[in-house]
Protein backbone atom coordinates (compact mmCIF):
# COMPACT_ATOMS: atom_id res chain seq x y z
CA MET A 1 -17.15 -3.52 14.19
CA SER A 2 -17.02 -0.14 12.44
CA HIS A 3 -14.18 1.22 10.34
CA CYS A 4 -11.25 2.64 12.41
CA SER A 5 -12.63 1.35 15.71
CA ASP A 6 -9.73 -0.87 16.86
CA ASN A 7 -6.29 0.45 15.98
CA ALA A 8 -4.44 -2.49 17.59
CA ALA A 9 -6.45 -5.06 15.63
CA ASP A 10 -6.10 -3.07 12.39
CA ARG A 11 -2.32 -2.77 12.90
CA ALA A 12 -2.09 -6.52 13.56
CA THR A 13 -4.00 -7.22 10.33
CA GLY A 14 -1.73 -4.83 8.44
CA ALA A 15 1.39 -6.47 9.88
CA LEU A 16 0.10 -9.94 8.95
CA TRP A 17 -0.40 -8.97 5.30
CA GLU A 18 2.90 -7.09 5.18
CA ARG A 19 4.61 -10.32 6.30
CA LYS A 20 2.69 -12.25 3.66
CA PHE A 21 3.86 -9.73 1.02
CA GLN A 22 7.42 -10.18 2.28
CA LEU A 23 7.17 -13.96 2.01
CA MET A 24 5.65 -13.70 -1.48
CA MET A 25 8.55 -11.48 -2.62
CA VAL A 26 11.15 -13.75 -1.02
CA ASN A 27 9.53 -16.78 -2.70
CA GLN A 28 9.80 -14.91 -6.03
CA GLY A 29 13.56 -14.57 -5.37
CA PHE A 30 13.65 -10.88 -4.35
CA LEU A 31 15.66 -9.18 -1.60
CA VAL A 32 13.17 -7.17 0.48
CA THR A 33 13.17 -4.95 3.56
CA MET A 34 9.98 -4.42 5.54
CA HIS A 35 10.04 -0.95 7.11
CA GLN A 36 6.96 -1.14 9.34
CA LEU A 37 7.16 -4.58 10.93
CA ARG A 38 7.67 -4.54 14.70
CA LYS A 39 7.46 -0.74 14.81
CA SER A 40 4.84 1.30 16.61
CA GLY A 41 5.16 4.34 14.33
CA SER A 42 5.74 4.98 10.68
CA ALA A 43 9.14 4.54 9.10
CA ILE A 44 10.35 7.92 7.87
CA ALA A 45 13.11 9.54 5.87
CA VAL A 46 14.14 13.10 6.71
CA THR A 47 15.71 15.95 4.79
CA ARG A 48 15.81 19.74 4.78
CA VAL A 49 13.30 21.64 2.67
CA SER A 50 13.51 25.44 2.64
CA GLY A 51 15.65 25.33 5.77
CA ASN A 52 13.20 23.14 7.72
CA VAL A 53 13.49 19.45 8.55
CA LYS A 54 10.88 17.57 6.51
CA ALA A 55 9.85 13.97 7.20
CA PHE A 56 8.54 11.66 4.49
CA THR A 57 6.57 8.58 5.48
CA LEU A 58 8.26 5.67 3.75
CA PRO A 59 6.41 2.93 1.91
CA ASP A 60 5.96 -0.32 3.84
CA ALA A 61 8.56 -2.30 1.88
CA SER A 62 11.59 -1.89 -0.37
CA VAL A 63 12.57 -4.46 -2.98
CA TRP A 64 16.27 -4.00 -3.60
CA ASP A 65 16.90 -6.03 -6.75
CA ALA A 66 17.86 -3.52 -9.46
CA PRO A 67 16.31 -1.25 -10.45
CA GLY A 68 14.40 -1.51 -7.15
CA PHE A 69 10.89 -0.53 -6.14
CA ASP A 70 8.97 0.30 -3.01
CA ALA A 71 5.51 -0.84 -1.96
CA GLU A 72 2.73 0.64 0.15
CA ILE A 73 0.76 -2.45 1.19
CA LYS A 74 -2.94 -2.71 2.03
CA HIS A 75 -5.38 -5.56 2.71
CA LYS A 76 -8.75 -4.42 1.38
CA ASP A 77 -11.47 -4.99 -1.16
CA PRO A 78 -12.92 -2.48 -3.62
CA THR A 79 -15.61 -0.05 -2.54
CA SER A 80 -19.17 -0.50 -3.78
CA GLN A 81 -18.19 1.87 -6.64
CA ASN A 82 -15.38 -0.56 -7.62
CA THR A 83 -12.61 1.78 -6.48
CA PHE A 84 -9.66 1.74 -4.10
CA GLY A 85 -8.82 4.71 -1.92
CA LEU A 86 -5.74 6.22 -0.36
CA GLU A 87 -5.54 9.08 2.09
CA GLU A 88 -4.36 12.32 0.50
CA TYR A 89 -1.58 12.82 3.06
CA ARG A 90 -0.22 9.31 2.35
CA LEU A 91 -0.48 9.82 -1.41
CA LYS A 92 1.40 13.13 -1.24
CA SER A 93 4.12 11.62 0.93
CA LEU A 94 4.55 8.58 -1.37
CA VAL A 95 4.65 10.81 -4.46
CA ALA A 96 7.22 13.13 -2.85
CA PHE A 97 9.35 10.11 -1.93
CA ALA A 98 9.09 8.65 -5.46
CA ARG A 99 10.07 11.96 -7.05
CA ARG A 100 12.90 12.63 -4.62
CA SER A 101 14.36 9.10 -4.72
CA GLY A 102 13.69 8.35 -8.39
CA ARG A 103 12.41 4.94 -7.33
CA CYS A 104 9.27 3.23 -8.52
CA VAL A 105 6.67 3.30 -5.74
CA GLN A 106 3.73 0.92 -6.00
CA TYR A 107 0.43 0.89 -4.13
CA VAL A 108 0.01 -2.86 -3.60
CA VAL A 109 -3.34 -4.27 -2.51
CA HIS A 110 -4.11 -7.73 -1.27
CA ASP A 111 -7.61 -7.66 -2.78
CA TYR A 112 -9.49 -10.09 -0.60
CA SER A 113 -12.52 -9.92 -2.89
CA ARG A 114 -10.43 -12.28 -5.05
CA CYS A 115 -10.22 -14.85 -2.25
CA PRO A 116 -12.61 -17.79 -1.98
CA GLY A 117 -15.42 -17.65 0.53
CA GLY A 118 -19.15 -17.25 0.71
CA THR A 119 -19.28 -13.92 2.51
CA ARG A 120 -17.17 -10.77 2.58
CA ALA A 121 -16.06 -11.71 6.12
CA ASP A 122 -14.98 -15.18 4.88
CA ARG A 123 -12.93 -13.63 2.08
CA LYS A 124 -11.43 -10.95 4.36
CA SER A 125 -10.24 -13.57 6.85
CA TYR A 126 -9.08 -16.08 4.19
CA PRO A 127 -5.64 -17.04 5.52
CA GLU A 128 -3.84 -18.03 2.33
CA SER A 129 -1.81 -15.52 0.36
CA GLN A 130 -1.80 -16.32 -3.33
CA ILE A 131 -0.14 -14.07 -5.86
CA GLU A 132 -3.39 -13.98 -7.86
CA HIS A 133 -5.01 -12.02 -5.01
CA TRP A 134 -2.45 -9.19 -5.18
CA ILE A 135 -2.71 -6.16 -7.49
CA THR A 136 -0.63 -3.00 -7.87
CA ALA A 137 -0.59 0.52 -9.30
CA ASP A 138 2.20 3.08 -9.60
CA VAL A 139 1.63 6.00 -7.20
CA LEU A 140 2.76 8.53 -9.82
CA ASP A 141 0.11 7.19 -12.22
CA LEU A 142 -2.49 7.38 -9.47
CA TYR A 143 -1.45 10.93 -8.66
CA SER A 144 -1.78 11.90 -12.34
CA ASN A 145 -5.26 10.35 -12.42
CA ARG A 146 -6.54 11.70 -9.11
CA THR A 147 -9.89 13.39 -8.83
CA ASP A 148 -11.28 15.53 -6.03
CA PRO A 149 -10.95 13.67 -2.74
CA ARG A 150 -13.86 12.67 -0.55
CA TRP A 151 -13.78 12.93 3.22
CA GLY A 152 -13.50 9.69 5.13
CA THR A 153 -12.16 8.29 8.39
CA SER A 154 -8.63 6.99 8.73
CA TYR A 155 -6.02 6.67 11.43
CA VAL A 156 -3.71 9.66 11.89
CA ASN A 157 -1.09 9.16 14.60
CA GLY A 158 -3.09 6.16 15.82
CA GLN A 159 -6.37 8.05 16.20
CA PRO A 160 -9.44 8.02 13.93
CA LYS A 161 -9.68 11.30 12.05
CA ARG A 162 -11.66 12.68 9.10
CA VAL A 163 -9.26 13.19 6.20
CA PRO A 164 -9.46 13.67 2.43
CA ILE A 165 -9.20 10.35 0.55
CA HIS A 166 -8.62 9.90 -3.18
CA TYR A 167 -10.34 7.03 -5.02
CA TRP A 168 -9.50 5.39 -8.35
CA PRO A 169 -11.20 2.72 -10.44
CA THR A 170 -9.81 -0.77 -9.93
CA SER A 171 -9.00 -0.84 -13.66
CA LEU A 172 -5.83 1.17 -12.87
CA TRP A 173 -4.39 -1.80 -10.94
CA VAL A 174 -2.61 -4.74 -12.58
CA PRO A 175 -1.89 -8.17 -11.14
CA VAL A 176 1.34 -8.21 -9.13
CA ALA A 177 2.49 -11.21 -11.19
CA ASP A 178 2.24 -9.10 -14.37
CA PHE A 179 4.06 -6.19 -12.74
CA LEU A 180 6.87 -8.50 -11.55
CA GLU A 181 7.19 -10.03 -15.02
CA SER A 182 7.59 -6.61 -16.65
CA TYR A 183 9.90 -5.52 -13.81
CA ALA A 184 12.17 -8.54 -14.42
CA ARG A 185 12.28 -7.77 -18.16
CA ALA A 186 13.29 -4.16 -17.43
CA ALA A 187 16.13 -5.17 -15.07
């Protein structure tokens, strides 16, 4: 199956790993809201900008324990160049939300290359969620370290579309466990 060929299956996979993130956060003792679960469209926040109503796509989850952070959640493995990508339109929306809200916004990846299994398909379908498989990066740091995007295919309004995608080396991500430890110290 090629990339962006089955929106329903891809949404179901996304929802599964969003629920697993939610459970992981709850098991760590956090209060969390999942914005995308059981919704057909994106969760948005709206405001007026220069007299026009402007919608911001919200991150997938909010962790409410002070000082609070938000998470855009993906289930993927690194590219062959050892990078992770994010669509430019999503990056810009997450950065605008982080700046406007003053909240920490993390790009959280369930990196299935860290899962056991003999093949990529085995690792991708590995059913267990272990905190060691999750990594994160601050979207403002990613934005500061962005390079020219490359064109790739992604879903836009449920349809495959060619869009600019930014890529960063995996070295910019840290284990979620390390992030949560520093987050707890800062609270």
